Every structure is written in C-alpha cells, then in structure tokens.
Amino acid sequence: MTHLEHLTPRRIVAVFLVLALCVASAAASWALGRSTSDHVGAAPAGRVATADLTADLVSNVAYQQALVAAPSGKPKVTVIGTGGTIAGVANDRGSFTNYRAGQIPIADLVDDLRPEIEAVAEVETIQFGNKGSGGYTIAEFHALTLAVEKALATSDGVVVTSGTDTMEEFAYWLDLTVQSPKPVVMTGAMRPTAAGTVDGPGVIGADGPANLYNAITLAGSRVTTCFGAVLMLGDEFHAARDVTKTSSYRMDTFQTRELGVLGWIDGTNIKVGRAPARVATCDNPQRWNTPFDLSKIAATDLPRTEIIFGYQQAGGEGITGFADAGVKGIVTAGTGAGGISSAQSAARTAAVAKGVVFLSTTRTGSGSVYGGTTGSVIAGDDLLPQKARLLLMLSLAYAGGDVAKVRTWVSTIGNPEWDTVSSSAGTPPGQLKPAA
C-alpha cells in the first residue's frame, strides 16, 4: 500500500484545514507587524514598546482602534500609590524581610525612575494612602475605584501600587468595578526599596523600581485595553481574576494556576500570550461593563460578607455567629470540590433560612465547584475564596435581594468562558457566554 492510499477523504479534509490555519496565522502575523509596530506604545522619540498579540486581538475592531488612537506625544499614565513593600524602608541594604511598609511617597518612587521613564510616558502621581495592603477597608476600596475612574478620565492608563499580601484582591476589586476599558495595572514589590530612611540607599536586589517601570510601560502601551485589571510583577502580567500569591517570600510569588500568565515584558517588547475572555466583548461596551458602578452606591451600601474554611470535623459555630451578626453573604472554602462538614452544613441550612446567601468554593487553590442551580447556595466554579467574597459582596449590593440574579452574575461575570455548545440562551458555539 502506498502512502497516498492512506489519504482517506477525512484525512484530506484535515490536511486542508491545517494548511488553511497556517495561511490565516501567517496573514494575521503580517497584519500585526503592520499595525502594532507603528502604533502600540508610540511616542515621538525615545523608548517605544512594541507588542505581539494573539490573533483574536488582531481581529477585534474596538481593541485595534484603542491601540491606534494614540494621543499626541507620549501616553499619559497616572500612578496611584497605596503603600506596601514597594514603598518600604528596610533596616539595612541586605535586609529583605525586616522593614517598615508604606514609608516612601509614590512621587519619590516615580522620580527615582527619571529621566528614563520620561521616554516612556508622561507620568503623574496620586498618593491615595501609604500602608500595608491588608490594612485597607472595603470603604477605602470603594474610594480607590472612584479615584481610578477619575484618573482614567484624563489618562491613557493607570498604575496602582500596593502591598502584595492582598494585591490580588485589590486587582480583582478594580477588575469588577472600574467601568473604563482603559488599562489598569497593579504592581508592587517583594523586597523593600530603600534602606535606613526614605531617601536612603537602595536595598540590594530590590524589585520595586523595575516593576514600577514595567507597569508604567504596560499601561502606556494600551495593550491591556479591555482586559480589565491586570497584575504585573517580575516582568509578567496576569489576569486579576485568576492570579494568586503563592509564596510568602519568593520573588515569583504571583502565579495563575491552570491557565498561566497573560504575557510578559522583555525590554521594549510586550508579549501577549493570551487574553481574558472578557476582551471578546470589547466591541460591545454594554456587555463589557459590569453592573457594579460604584458611583451609584455608597460604601455603606456594600453588605458584609465573610469566608468560612472547611477542615476535618469543622464546627458550625462560625457560620452561626456570622449569621447572627447580620452577615449577608458567606463564602465557604471547602475541601476538595467544595465539601463542608456536617456541622457546617447544618449551620448553613439555618443561616439560609435567615436570608444569608452562600457561595461554595474550594480551598485547594485550583479546580471547580459545581452543583446547585436554585436556592441560596451558589457554586463558585474555580473562583478563589478571597475573590468570590468580593464578587458576592458586590452582587448582593446590586441584585436587590434577587438571588437568581446573583447566581447569574457569579456564573457569567465571575466565570467568563466560551460556550462549546449552543446554550439555551442562544449563544452560538465559540462565543462568550452572555453576562446577564
């Protein structure tokens, strides 16, 4: 039998499909070379960032319009400082773990990047706060969103610096609440910047200056337009929804389990390996925006939500106590695929009767939680517990007591993904599931 005899009709079709994909990929690369080399991060002189984009971004009209609509001159980036290790002062140059966070003003951190940063963007700073990330309240989160929105009204992108302990929560909060599609980039550091005093010598191996420089570069490039908030440390940037801190001290602490980074920055090159599913709605602002417009509610309107951890023979008193204290929503970080103890389950049932809404997640750090299509116990899919808490809080605030609406938002806004089969809502296969 000859090799040609192995070419059945099905195999011939497969060969042609592969060839067609290769041709399409080559055409997209050619178009990308023409569009991004001239426009992404364009500046009249100095350091110019170029980007490699995925094919779906190349064909997204609204995304491409955002890239080519370069402002006259350099992009304008506002850096909002909230403190953290990046603004920390260590005991000495070799002290990586003994330091005081939130000491150096954000204006000083940016000034230390001059004159080089002036070739990248026109940068202004806002000192929102100066303390560790864990010290911020939800009311301050509310105010931070409004500060970011105000800055984006006149800037091409915003960088927010914070401590890394709860940076992923800062990022996801902004991802859910900022209504502008312009880039929002979170960054910080795992090592303090200065030693002795705020204007002292630099700590050996401090990562803050490079992270801040790259974050400004990324925001000014407009490459993450419509991505929502992203988190950038160690030359890599991640989706706010997916990223998590995985180590208390390691420099590469931020990881996106299962899915991986969005991209990375190598000098003047910005590489985009993938994009959040949300970017597919860039052409439709009504779908891209979330319902969580914080200009419409006060911080006091945000209901208290808490997290309960599952473990061997866990008691139910924590759930009961929260319910009695007036907590409106509870996230359970269960074992395996979201399991909780019998005592916790009984306490949950009693709390539901009091009007408490539950969101089930796993403590494993990755993997999905399924089940339950009605009632006040909602499956959180693969949302991390700390992220699920923020989404539940916002959903309860805006749903007006409609638990079904909360459930819908958890499954769409909280878990944006592609339909692989035609859904009951009529979404064609390969399209993003509708957000409401």
Protein backbone atom coordinates (compact mmCIF):
# COMPACT_ATOMS: atom_id res chain seq x y z
CA MET A 1 0.00 0.00 0.00
CA THR A 2 1.42 3.41 -0.98
CA HIS A 3 1.44 6.50 1.23
CA LEU A 4 -1.20 8.10 -0.99
CA GLU A 5 -3.57 5.24 -0.31
CA HIS A 6 -3.63 6.31 3.36
CA LEU A 7 -5.17 9.66 2.38
CA THR A 8 -8.81 8.99 3.04
CA PRO A 9 -11.32 11.79 2.33
CA ARG A 10 -11.42 12.68 6.05
CA ARG A 11 -7.63 12.94 6.22
CA ILE A 12 -7.53 15.05 3.05
CA VAL A 13 -10.01 17.48 4.64
CA ALA A 14 -7.88 17.59 7.80
CA VAL A 15 -4.76 18.39 5.77
CA PHE A 16 -6.51 21.27 4.03
CA LEU A 17 -7.79 22.61 7.37
CA VAL A 18 -4.27 22.64 8.80
CA LEU A 19 -2.97 24.42 5.70
CA ALA A 20 -5.77 26.97 5.95
CA LEU A 21 -4.95 27.66 9.60
CA CYS A 22 -1.29 28.15 8.72
CA VAL A 23 -2.19 30.64 5.99
CA ALA A 24 -4.54 32.50 8.35
CA SER A 25 -1.88 32.63 11.04
CA ALA A 26 0.67 33.99 8.59
CA ALA A 27 -1.77 36.64 7.39
CA ALA A 28 -2.55 37.68 10.97
CA SER A 29 1.15 37.94 11.76
CA TRP A 30 1.69 40.10 8.68
CA ALA A 31 -1.19 42.39 9.65
CA LEU A 32 0.05 42.54 13.22
CA GLY A 33 3.51 43.55 12.10
CA ARG A 34 1.98 46.48 10.22
CA SER A 35 -0.44 47.58 12.96
CA THR A 36 1.48 47.17 16.20
CA SER A 37 4.99 48.14 15.17
CA ASP A 38 3.86 51.63 14.28
CA HIS A 39 1.19 52.25 16.90
CA VAL A 40 1.49 50.27 20.13
CA GLY A 41 3.04 52.45 22.80
CA ALA A 42 4.01 55.00 20.17
CA ALA A 43 5.99 58.03 21.26
CA PRO A 44 7.63 60.72 19.16
CA ALA A 45 11.07 59.80 20.42
CA GLY A 46 12.82 57.58 22.95
CA ARG A 47 11.74 54.19 24.18
CA VAL A 48 8.91 52.65 22.17
CA ALA A 49 7.16 49.48 23.27
CA THR A 50 6.05 47.00 20.64
CA ALA A 51 3.63 44.14 21.19
CA ASP A 52 3.00 40.64 19.91
CA LEU A 53 -0.73 39.91 20.11
CA THR A 54 -2.93 36.86 19.77
CA ALA A 55 -4.89 36.51 16.53
CA ASP A 56 -8.25 37.22 18.20
CA LEU A 57 -6.96 40.58 19.42
CA VAL A 58 -5.71 41.44 15.95
CA SER A 59 -9.23 40.97 14.56
CA ASN A 60 -11.05 42.78 17.39
CA VAL A 61 -12.06 46.13 15.89
CA ALA A 62 -12.61 48.07 19.12
CA TYR A 63 -9.37 46.73 20.57
CA GLN A 64 -7.39 47.74 17.49
CA GLN A 65 -8.99 51.20 17.46
CA ALA A 66 -7.88 51.69 21.05
CA LEU A 67 -4.31 50.79 20.11
CA VAL A 68 -4.05 53.04 17.09
CA ALA A 69 -5.80 56.02 18.73
CA ALA A 70 -2.51 57.20 20.15
CA PRO A 71 -2.53 60.54 21.93
CA SER A 72 -0.37 63.33 20.58
CA GLY A 73 3.05 62.83 22.07
CA LYS A 74 3.70 60.33 24.84
CA PRO A 75 0.88 58.48 26.59
CA LYS A 76 -0.22 59.87 29.93
CA VAL A 77 -0.12 57.43 32.85
CA THR A 78 -1.31 58.15 36.38
CA VAL A 79 0.36 56.20 39.17
CA ILE A 80 -1.75 55.86 42.31
CA GLY A 81 0.21 54.85 45.40
CA THR A 82 -1.29 52.95 48.32
CA GLY A 83 1.92 51.90 50.08
CA GLY A 84 3.12 48.35 50.62
CA THR A 85 6.57 46.81 50.40
CA ILE A 86 7.43 48.78 47.27
CA ALA A 87 7.24 51.88 49.48
CA GLY A 88 9.05 50.13 52.32
CA VAL A 89 12.22 51.08 54.20
CA ALA A 90 14.46 48.24 55.39
CA ASN A 91 16.81 48.20 58.37
CA ASP A 92 19.81 47.95 56.05
CA ARG A 93 20.66 47.22 52.42
CA GLY A 94 20.79 43.47 52.99
CA SER A 95 17.54 43.26 54.93
CA PHE A 96 14.85 41.73 52.71
CA THR A 97 12.35 40.75 55.41
CA ASN A 98 12.76 43.32 58.17
CA TYR A 99 11.31 46.61 57.02
CA ARG A 100 8.52 49.17 57.50
CA ALA A 101 6.00 49.10 54.67
CA GLY A 102 4.34 52.22 53.30
CA GLN A 103 7.01 54.82 54.01
CA ILE A 104 8.21 56.25 50.67
CA PRO A 105 5.85 58.65 48.83
CA ILE A 106 4.78 57.47 45.39
CA ALA A 107 6.11 60.68 43.83
CA ASP A 108 9.59 59.78 45.09
CA LEU A 109 9.36 56.26 43.69
CA VAL A 110 8.49 57.64 40.26
CA ASP A 111 11.16 60.35 40.48
CA ASP A 112 13.74 57.62 41.02
CA LEU A 113 12.88 56.32 37.55
CA ARG A 114 13.70 59.62 35.89
CA PRO A 115 14.98 60.51 33.37
CA GLU A 116 14.44 57.09 31.73
CA ILE A 117 10.71 56.92 32.41
CA GLU A 118 10.21 60.23 30.60
CA ALA A 119 10.88 58.45 27.31
CA VAL A 120 8.05 56.02 28.07
CA ALA A 121 5.19 58.19 29.29
CA GLU A 122 4.11 61.43 30.85
CA VAL A 123 3.59 60.36 34.44
CA GLU A 124 1.64 61.99 37.25
CA THR A 125 1.18 60.60 40.75
CA ILE A 126 -1.56 60.46 43.35
CA GLN A 127 -0.91 59.45 46.95
CA PHE A 128 -4.09 57.57 47.85
CA GLY A 129 -2.62 56.07 51.02
CA ASN A 130 0.62 54.65 52.39
CA LYS A 131 0.24 51.45 54.41
CA GLY A 132 0.24 47.70 54.07
CA SER A 133 -2.33 46.22 51.72
CA GLY A 134 -4.07 44.27 54.49
CA GLY A 135 -4.86 47.49 56.33
CA TYR A 136 -7.35 48.77 53.75
CA THR A 137 -11.09 48.60 54.35
CA ILE A 138 -13.85 47.92 51.84
CA ALA A 139 -14.86 51.57 52.16
CA GLU A 140 -11.33 52.50 51.05
CA PHE A 141 -11.60 50.03 48.18
CA HIS A 142 -14.77 51.88 47.15
CA ALA A 143 -12.90 55.19 47.23
CA LEU A 144 -9.97 53.71 45.30
CA THR A 145 -12.24 52.70 42.43
CA LEU A 146 -13.57 56.23 42.19
CA ALA A 147 -10.01 57.60 42.24
CA VAL A 148 -9.00 55.27 39.42
CA GLU A 149 -12.09 56.22 37.40
CA LYS A 150 -11.30 59.92 37.85
CA ALA A 151 -7.69 59.43 36.76
CA LEU A 152 -8.73 57.44 33.68
CA ALA A 153 -10.92 60.33 32.54
CA THR A 154 -7.74 62.23 31.61
CA SER A 155 -5.08 59.49 31.39
CA ASP A 156 -4.39 56.70 28.92
CA GLY A 157 -3.82 54.20 31.71
CA VAL A 158 -3.48 53.87 35.47
CA VAL A 159 -0.95 52.02 37.59
CA VAL A 160 -1.86 51.24 41.20
CA THR A 161 0.88 50.24 43.61
CA SER A 162 0.08 48.20 46.71
CA GLY A 163 1.43 45.64 49.08
CA THR A 164 1.47 42.11 47.74
CA ASP A 165 -0.35 40.43 50.66
CA THR A 166 -3.79 41.30 49.31
CA MET A 167 -2.79 42.73 45.92
CA GLU A 168 -4.83 40.09 44.13
CA GLU A 169 -7.93 41.36 45.96
CA PHE A 170 -7.11 44.98 45.06
CA ALA A 171 -6.78 43.87 41.45
CA TYR A 172 -9.99 41.84 41.29
CA TRP A 173 -11.96 44.59 43.03
CA LEU A 174 -10.83 47.07 40.38
CA ASP A 175 -11.47 44.48 37.68
CA LEU A 176 -15.09 44.19 38.82
CA THR A 177 -15.79 47.86 39.48
CA VAL A 178 -13.82 50.10 37.11
CA GLN A 179 -16.10 50.98 34.21
CA SER A 180 -13.44 52.26 31.81
CA PRO A 181 -11.82 49.79 29.37
CA LYS A 182 -8.50 51.68 29.61
CA PRO A 183 -5.56 49.78 31.12
CA VAL A 184 -5.41 49.35 34.90
CA VAL A 185 -2.18 47.73 36.10
CA MET A 186 -1.43 46.66 39.68
CA THR A 187 2.16 46.36 40.78
CA GLY A 188 4.34 46.28 43.87
CA ALA A 189 7.39 44.50 45.19
CA MET A 190 8.53 41.56 47.28
CA ARG A 191 11.52 43.46 48.66
CA PRO A 192 11.62 46.95 50.16
CA THR A 193 13.10 49.73 48.07
CA ALA A 194 15.24 51.84 50.41
CA ALA A 195 17.42 51.20 53.44
CA GLY A 196 17.58 53.26 56.64
CA THR A 197 15.46 56.22 55.55
CA VAL A 198 13.03 57.04 52.74
CA ASP A 199 15.85 58.64 50.77
CA GLY A 200 18.46 56.08 51.81
CA PRO A 201 20.44 53.78 49.53
CA GLY A 202 18.65 51.08 47.60
CA VAL A 203 18.14 47.63 49.06
CA ILE A 204 20.29 45.03 47.31
CA GLY A 205 18.22 43.31 44.63
CA ALA A 206 15.12 45.45 45.20
CA ASP A 207 12.49 44.57 42.60
CA GLY A 208 10.24 47.59 43.05
CA PRO A 209 11.87 50.02 40.61
CA ALA A 210 11.83 47.57 37.68
CA ASN A 211 8.26 46.51 38.46
CA LEU A 212 7.06 50.10 38.55
CA TYR A 213 8.91 50.97 35.35
CA ASN A 214 7.42 47.99 33.51
CA ALA A 215 3.94 48.64 34.89
CA ILE A 216 4.03 52.20 33.53
CA THR A 217 5.31 50.84 30.20
CA LEU A 218 2.46 48.31 30.07
CA ALA A 219 -0.24 50.84 30.99
CA GLY A 220 1.06 53.38 28.48
CA SER A 221 1.18 50.82 25.68
CA ARG A 222 -2.63 50.35 25.87
CA VAL A 223 -2.03 46.65 25.12
CA THR A 224 -4.29 45.58 28.00
CA THR A 225 -7.22 47.71 26.85
CA CYS A 226 -10.45 45.80 27.62
CA PHE A 227 -8.52 43.18 29.64
CA GLY A 228 -9.87 44.60 32.88
CA ALA A 229 -7.33 45.00 35.68
CA VAL A 230 -4.06 43.09 35.39
CA LEU A 231 -1.33 42.40 37.93
CA MET A 232 2.29 42.88 36.87
CA LEU A 233 5.33 41.69 38.83
CA GLY A 234 8.61 40.14 37.75
CA ASP A 235 8.15 41.06 34.07
CA GLU A 236 4.92 39.03 33.87
CA PHE A 237 1.31 40.19 33.86
CA HIS A 238 -1.70 38.18 34.95
CA ALA A 239 -5.48 38.46 34.83
CA ALA A 240 -6.82 39.91 38.08
CA ARG A 241 -9.47 37.20 38.37
CA ASP A 242 -7.04 34.29 38.07
CA VAL A 243 -3.80 35.34 39.74
CA THR A 244 -2.88 34.49 43.32
CA LYS A 245 0.04 34.90 45.68
CA THR A 246 1.67 31.51 46.17
CA SER A 247 4.68 32.21 48.42
CA SER A 248 5.29 34.48 51.37
CA TYR A 249 8.81 35.48 50.28
CA ARG A 250 9.70 34.28 46.79
CA MET A 251 10.09 36.93 44.10
CA ASP A 252 7.96 34.94 41.62
CA THR A 253 5.14 34.61 44.13
CA PHE A 254 2.30 35.53 41.76
CA GLN A 255 1.06 32.64 39.67
CA THR A 256 -2.02 31.85 37.61
CA ARG A 257 -2.64 28.20 38.28
CA GLU A 258 -4.05 26.11 35.42
CA LEU A 259 -4.20 28.99 32.90
CA GLY A 260 -0.82 30.73 33.10
CA VAL A 261 0.29 34.31 32.53
CA LEU A 262 -1.32 36.69 30.06
CA GLY A 263 2.06 37.83 28.83
CA TRP A 264 5.41 39.30 29.72
CA ILE A 265 7.63 42.31 29.16
CA ASP A 266 11.13 41.90 27.73
CA GLY A 267 12.73 45.31 27.49
CA THR A 268 10.82 47.22 24.83
CA ASN A 269 8.83 44.14 23.80
CA ILE A 270 5.43 43.31 25.25
CA LYS A 271 4.36 39.74 24.53
CA VAL A 272 0.67 38.81 24.85
CA GLY A 273 0.28 35.04 25.02
CA ARG A 274 -3.43 35.01 25.83
CA ALA A 275 -6.23 37.39 26.72
CA PRO A 276 -9.03 37.20 29.29
CA ALA A 277 -12.33 36.00 27.83
CA ARG A 278 -13.78 39.39 28.71
CA VAL A 279 -11.83 41.09 25.93
CA ALA A 280 -14.15 39.46 23.40
CA THR A 281 -16.84 41.98 24.41
CA CYS A 282 -14.61 45.00 23.75
CA ASP A 283 -16.79 45.81 20.74
CA ASN A 284 -19.86 45.97 22.98
CA PRO A 285 -19.41 48.35 25.95
CA GLN A 286 -22.77 47.37 27.45
CA ARG A 287 -21.58 43.78 27.73
CA TRP A 288 -18.02 44.66 28.69
CA ASN A 289 -19.00 46.86 31.65
CA THR A 290 -20.11 45.15 34.83
CA PRO A 291 -23.24 46.32 36.70
CA PHE A 292 -21.03 47.31 39.63
CA ASP A 293 -20.81 51.07 39.04
CA LEU A 294 -19.69 52.41 42.42
CA SER A 295 -20.67 55.97 41.54
CA LYS A 296 -24.26 54.81 42.06
CA ILE A 297 -23.97 53.44 45.59
CA ALA A 298 -22.27 54.46 48.82
CA ALA A 299 -19.67 52.33 50.54
CA THR A 300 -22.14 51.76 53.37
CA ASP A 301 -24.46 50.01 50.90
CA LEU A 302 -21.98 47.15 50.47
CA PRO A 303 -23.14 44.24 52.64
CA ARG A 304 -20.81 42.41 54.96
CA THR A 305 -19.57 39.11 53.51
CA GLU A 306 -17.22 36.62 55.13
CA ILE A 307 -15.29 33.39 54.43
CA ILE A 308 -15.52 30.09 56.30
CA PHE A 309 -12.79 27.45 55.92
CA GLY A 310 -13.54 23.74 55.70
CA TYR A 311 -11.41 21.16 57.54
CA GLN A 312 -11.66 17.88 59.44
CA GLN A 313 -14.66 17.86 61.85
CA ALA A 314 -15.15 21.61 61.43
CA GLY A 315 -17.72 23.13 63.75
CA GLY A 316 -20.67 25.16 62.53
CA GLU A 317 -20.38 27.92 65.13
CA GLY A 318 -18.50 30.21 62.75
CA ILE A 319 -21.37 30.21 60.27
CA THR A 320 -23.93 30.63 63.04
CA GLY A 321 -22.00 33.50 64.55
CA PHE A 322 -21.69 35.32 61.25
CA ALA A 323 -25.40 34.87 60.51
CA ASP A 324 -26.35 36.16 63.96
CA ALA A 325 -24.05 39.16 63.42
CA GLY A 326 -26.01 40.21 60.34
CA VAL A 327 -23.61 38.94 57.67
CA LYS A 328 -25.47 38.78 54.33
CA GLY A 329 -23.16 36.52 52.36
CA ILE A 330 -20.73 33.74 53.28
CA VAL A 331 -18.15 32.06 51.05
CA THR A 332 -17.22 28.53 52.05
CA ALA A 333 -13.71 27.40 51.14
CA GLY A 334 -14.46 23.70 51.25
CA THR A 335 -12.37 20.59 50.98
CA GLY A 336 -11.91 19.00 47.56
CA ALA A 337 -14.77 20.05 45.30
CA GLY A 338 -16.25 22.35 47.95
CA GLY A 339 -17.19 19.92 50.70
CA ILE A 340 -18.04 21.15 54.22
CA SER A 341 -18.57 19.22 57.45
CA SER A 342 -21.96 18.00 58.64
CA ALA A 343 -21.95 20.61 61.40
CA GLN A 344 -21.19 23.35 58.91
CA SER A 345 -23.87 22.06 56.57
CA ALA A 346 -26.49 22.18 59.34
CA ALA A 347 -25.43 25.69 60.29
CA ARG A 348 -25.57 26.73 56.63
CA THR A 349 -29.13 25.46 56.30
CA ALA A 350 -30.16 27.50 59.35
CA ALA A 351 -28.36 30.58 58.03
CA VAL A 352 -30.07 30.29 54.63
CA ALA A 353 -33.39 30.39 56.45
CA LYS A 354 -32.30 33.74 57.88
CA GLY A 355 -31.60 35.10 54.38
CA VAL A 356 -27.85 34.51 54.14
CA VAL A 357 -26.55 33.67 50.64
CA PHE A 358 -23.68 31.18 50.32
CA LEU A 359 -21.06 30.81 47.62
CA SER A 360 -19.20 27.49 47.52
CA THR A 361 -15.51 27.37 46.56
CA THR A 362 -12.59 25.05 47.16
CA ARG A 363 -9.62 25.53 49.48
CA THR A 364 -7.35 23.62 47.06
CA GLY A 365 -6.26 26.71 45.14
CA SER A 366 -7.48 25.44 41.78
CA GLY A 367 -10.28 23.38 40.32
CA SER A 368 -14.02 23.92 40.03
CA VAL A 369 -17.00 23.60 42.34
CA TYR A 370 -20.23 22.60 40.60
CA GLY A 371 -23.81 21.86 41.60
CA GLY A 372 -26.93 23.65 42.75
CA THR A 373 -28.94 25.57 40.19
CA THR A 374 -31.52 27.03 42.58
CA GLY A 375 -31.70 28.28 46.13
CA SER A 376 -29.29 30.37 48.18
CA VAL A 377 -26.25 28.10 47.88
CA ILE A 378 -24.36 29.02 44.72
CA ALA A 379 -21.44 27.12 43.17
CA GLY A 380 -18.44 29.37 42.58
CA ASP A 381 -16.77 27.25 39.90
CA ASP A 382 -13.00 27.97 40.07
CA LEU A 383 -13.13 31.35 41.79
CA LEU A 384 -10.67 31.58 44.67
CA PRO A 385 -12.43 32.18 48.01
CA GLN A 386 -10.99 35.67 48.51
CA LYS A 387 -12.09 36.68 45.02
CA ALA A 388 -15.51 35.04 45.42
CA ARG A 389 -16.12 37.11 48.56
CA LEU A 390 -15.71 40.38 46.65
CA LEU A 391 -17.98 39.25 43.82
CA LEU A 392 -20.63 38.04 46.27
CA MET A 393 -20.49 41.33 48.15
CA LEU A 394 -20.98 43.41 45.01
CA SER A 395 -23.63 41.09 43.60
CA LEU A 396 -25.68 41.26 46.80
CA ALA A 397 -25.40 45.04 46.82
CA TYR A 398 -26.72 45.41 43.27
CA ALA A 399 -29.15 42.50 42.99
CA GLY A 400 -31.78 43.97 45.30
CA GLY A 401 -32.46 40.66 47.00
CA ASP A 402 -32.75 38.71 43.75
CA VAL A 403 -30.68 35.58 44.45
CA ALA A 404 -31.23 34.30 40.92
CA LYS A 405 -29.52 37.44 39.61
CA VAL A 406 -26.62 36.88 42.00
CA ARG A 407 -26.31 33.33 40.66
CA THR A 408 -26.29 34.59 37.08
CA TRP A 409 -23.57 37.12 37.81
CA VAL A 410 -21.43 34.51 39.55
CA SER A 411 -21.67 32.19 36.54
CA THR A 412 -21.04 34.89 33.93
CA ILE A 413 -19.15 37.88 35.35
CA GLY A 414 -17.37 35.69 37.88
CA ASN A 415 -16.68 32.87 35.46
CA PRO A 416 -16.44 34.26 31.92
CA GLU A 417 -15.83 31.44 29.47
CA TRP A 418 -16.54 30.28 25.96
CA ASP A 419 -19.61 28.26 25.06
CA THR A 420 -18.60 24.96 23.49
CA VAL A 421 -22.17 24.10 22.56
CA SER A 422 -25.17 26.26 21.71
CA SER A 423 -26.73 27.30 25.01
CA SER A 424 -30.36 27.74 25.96
CA ALA A 425 -29.75 31.48 25.73
CA GLY A 426 -28.94 31.02 22.04
CA THR A 427 -25.24 31.75 22.29
CA PRO A 428 -23.54 30.23 19.24
CA PRO A 429 -20.67 27.80 19.93
CA GLY A 430 -17.36 29.64 20.26
CA GLN A 431 -18.95 32.83 21.57
CA LEU A 432 -18.57 34.30 25.06
CA LYS A 433 -21.40 33.40 27.40
CA PRO A 434 -23.72 36.38 27.96
CA ALA A 435 -23.01 38.35 31.13
CA ALA A 436 -26.58 38.90 32.21
